């Protein structure tokens, strides 16, 4: 789950570090509870849970789907090139889901109707994927002009009048600059803004900071290597974004009081 706990839920599956503590306090009235921050994704938690029920349900058609969900959620890609080019069906679907005009529920229905056959689903959305890839090409051209980089840490403000239509791709900075340790991005519009930060998945970083701790400081969530914070004020997200940028650029917890 990537949302705050809802006490009316029948079940709650969470693998986020920031669920620790809150999880024990808030999930007492929920019948089905699984919390394991060592897991790569909730997809894996759900998959193993349903297998453990020993019902007549056949998990085999969904094995490949679960494998790719784990790869995508944990950023366990072979390289930045793999995720940017998105040649595999699962990665094409990932790009499709990032298109604002796509109905996510319809995509999920297709996955169910095709019994987890990702190649068929990707083919149905081929034109949208091609459109999205052209967007990625534009992003790769634009980012070098608007990224602020200091101490192998990049900062992108995509809320300004000159940048808000550029688009976001959280792996593009690492594709363009493999030497980066972290990237922080500010996105959003109309009172819905987000600060996102992530560690370079393909580089060993010296003295890394636990981004989950940093996220909790500002009411967000995440894991050791990725975080997100949502706010409704552009000025506030920019202020927090710069604090996060300085904390990661200088590897100093005292910058944010951690």
Foldseek 3Di string as FASTA:
>chain_A
DFDDDDLVDQEDEEQFPLCPPVVVVRNPNHDHYHYHVVAQDSLVVVLVVVVVVVDPDDCVLCPVVSVVRSCVSNVVDPDLVCLLVVPDLVSLVVLLVPDPVDDVVVLVVVCVVVSNPSVVSSVVCVVSSVVSSVLSVQLLVPCVVAWDDAQLETEHEQPDPVRVPSDDDLSSVCVNPVSHQKYWYWHDDDQKIKIKMFGRPVDDDPLAAQVQVLQVLQPWTGGRGITMDIGRDPVVSVVSRVLVRVCGSVVDPVSSDD
